[in-house]
Amino acid sequence: MARLLMPFLSPLLWTGIIMLALHPVYKRIEGLMKGRKGLMAGITTLVALLTAFVQIFREEYTGQYHLQN
């Protein structure tokens, strides 16, 4: 059973970390949107994606990320 679950543990762990990190953002947006949960989820997802893309592009263009052979 552990062998079956091993490939999923890392993504599940990162999902939990990202969820905890973005929860304050979600709560702040919730106060601004006054209960429009679909819009809140969309804005929170957009913020998360933009954060990830900014980090990826920053590393790529500043040369901080190097692939090793």
C-alpha atoms as a PDB file:
ATOM      1  CA  MET A   1       0.000   0.000   0.000  1.00  0.00           C
ATOM      2  CA  ALA A   2       2.865   2.401   0.802  1.00  0.00           C
ATOM      3  CA  ARG A   3       4.390   1.819  -2.638  1.00  0.00           C
ATOM      4  CA  LEU A   4       1.109   2.793  -4.230  1.00  0.00           C
ATOM      5  CA  LEU A   5       0.876   6.051  -2.280  1.00  0.00           C
ATOM      6  CA  MET A   6       4.534   7.147  -2.464  1.00  0.00           C
ATOM      7  CA  PRO A   7       4.255   9.039  -5.805  1.00  0.00           C
ATOM      8  CA  PHE A   8       1.378  11.103  -4.390  1.00  0.00           C
ATOM      9  CA  LEU A   9       2.917  12.119  -1.065  1.00  0.00           C
ATOM     10  CA  SER A  10       5.064  14.970  -2.363  1.00  0.00           C
ATOM     11  CA  PRO A  11       2.257  16.662  -4.348  1.00  0.00           C
ATOM     12  CA  LEU A  12      -0.100  16.270  -1.388  1.00  0.00           C
ATOM     13  CA  LEU A  13       2.454  17.787   0.975  1.00  0.00           C
ATOM     14  CA  TRP A  14       3.016  20.774  -1.345  1.00  0.00           C
ATOM     15  CA  THR A  15      -0.736  21.202  -1.748  1.00  0.00           C
ATOM     16  CA  GLY A  16      -1.072  21.479   2.028  1.00  0.00           C
ATOM     17  CA  ILE A  17       1.787  23.957   2.288  1.00  0.00           C
ATOM     18  CA  ILE A  18       0.386  26.155  -0.487  1.00  0.00           C
ATOM     19  CA  MET A  19      -3.106  25.953   1.011  1.00  0.00           C
ATOM     20  CA  LEU A  20      -1.841  27.134   4.392  1.00  0.00           C
ATOM     21  CA  ALA A  21       0.219  29.915   2.811  1.00  0.00           C
ATOM     22  CA  LEU A  22      -2.695  31.237   0.734  1.00  0.00           C
ATOM     23  CA  HIS A  23      -5.397  30.981   3.386  1.00  0.00           C
ATOM     24  CA  PRO A  24      -4.832  34.558   4.681  1.00  0.00           C
ATOM     25  CA  VAL A  25      -5.072  35.848   1.098  1.00  0.00           C
ATOM     26  CA  TYR A  26      -8.333  33.957   0.642  1.00  0.00           C
ATOM     27  CA  LYS A  27      -9.763  35.364   3.877  1.00  0.00           C
ATOM     28  CA  ARG A  28      -8.830  38.931   2.885  1.00  0.00           C
ATOM     29  CA  ILE A  29     -10.449  38.512  -0.529  1.00  0.00           C
ATOM     30  CA  GLU A  30     -13.492  36.970   1.164  1.00  0.00           C
ATOM     31  CA  GLY A  31     -14.002  40.174   3.131  1.00  0.00           C
ATOM     32  CA  LEU A  32     -13.733  42.286  -0.005  1.00  0.00           C
ATOM     33  CA  MET A  33     -16.053  40.148  -2.154  1.00  0.00           C
ATOM     34  CA  LYS A  34     -18.870  39.851   0.419  1.00  0.00           C
ATOM     35  CA  GLY A  35     -19.681  36.194  -0.102  1.00  0.00           C
ATOM     36  CA  ARG A  36     -19.180  35.746  -3.855  1.00  0.00           C
ATOM     37  CA  LYS A  37     -17.331  32.453  -3.458  1.00  0.00           C
ATOM     38  CA  GLY A  38     -16.839  31.683  -7.160  1.00  0.00           C
ATOM     39  CA  LEU A  39     -15.191  35.041  -7.742  1.00  0.00           C
ATOM     40  CA  MET A  40     -13.110  34.644  -4.573  1.00  0.00           C
ATOM     41  CA  ALA A  41     -11.845  31.245  -5.692  1.00  0.00           C
ATOM     42  CA  GLY A  42     -10.981  32.596  -9.125  1.00  0.00           C
ATOM     43  CA  ILE A  43      -9.057  35.576  -7.763  1.00  0.00           C
ATOM     44  CA  THR A  44      -7.208  33.411  -5.224  1.00  0.00           C
ATOM     45  CA  THR A  45      -6.242  30.952  -7.974  1.00  0.00           C
ATOM     46  CA  LEU A  46      -5.055  33.811 -10.168  1.00  0.00           C
ATOM     47  CA  VAL A  47      -2.925  35.206  -7.327  1.00  0.00           C
ATOM     48  CA  ALA A  48      -1.388  31.761  -6.731  1.00  0.00           C
ATOM     49  CA  LEU A  49      -0.596  31.248 -10.418  1.00  0.00           C
ATOM     50  CA  LEU A  50       0.884  34.718 -10.810  1.00  0.00           C
ATOM     51  CA  THR A  51       3.049  34.157  -7.741  1.00  0.00           C
ATOM     52  CA  ALA A  52       4.338  30.864  -9.162  1.00  0.00           C
ATOM     53  CA  PHE A  53       4.995  32.315 -12.630  1.00  0.00           C
ATOM     54  CA  VAL A  54       6.806  35.351 -11.258  1.00  0.00           C
ATOM     55  CA  GLN A  55       9.079  33.068  -9.251  1.00  0.00           C
ATOM     56  CA  ILE A  56       9.773  30.815 -12.235  1.00  0.00           C
ATOM     57  CA  PHE A  57      10.552  33.696 -14.593  1.00  0.00           C
ATOM     58  CA  ARG A  58      12.650  35.498 -11.991  1.00  0.00           C
ATOM     59  CA  GLU A  59      14.832  32.439 -11.540  1.00  0.00           C
ATOM     60  CA  GLU A  60      15.080  31.838 -15.279  1.00  0.00           C
ATOM     61  CA  TYR A  61      16.037  35.366 -16.281  1.00  0.00           C
ATOM     62  CA  THR A  62      18.342  36.192 -13.388  1.00  0.00           C
ATOM     63  CA  GLY A  63      20.306  32.961 -13.798  1.00  0.00           C
ATOM     64  CA  GLN A  64      19.651  31.725 -10.269  1.00  0.00           C
ATOM     65  CA  TYR A  65      18.366  28.386 -11.506  1.00  0.00           C
ATOM     66  CA  HIS A  66      20.847  26.074 -13.226  1.00  0.00           C
ATOM     67  CA  LEU A  67      20.185  22.609 -14.583  1.00  0.00           C
ATOM     68  CA  GLN A  68      22.878  20.138 -13.707  1.00  0.00           C
ATOM     69  CA  ASN A  69      23.782  17.246 -15.989  1.00  0.00           C
END
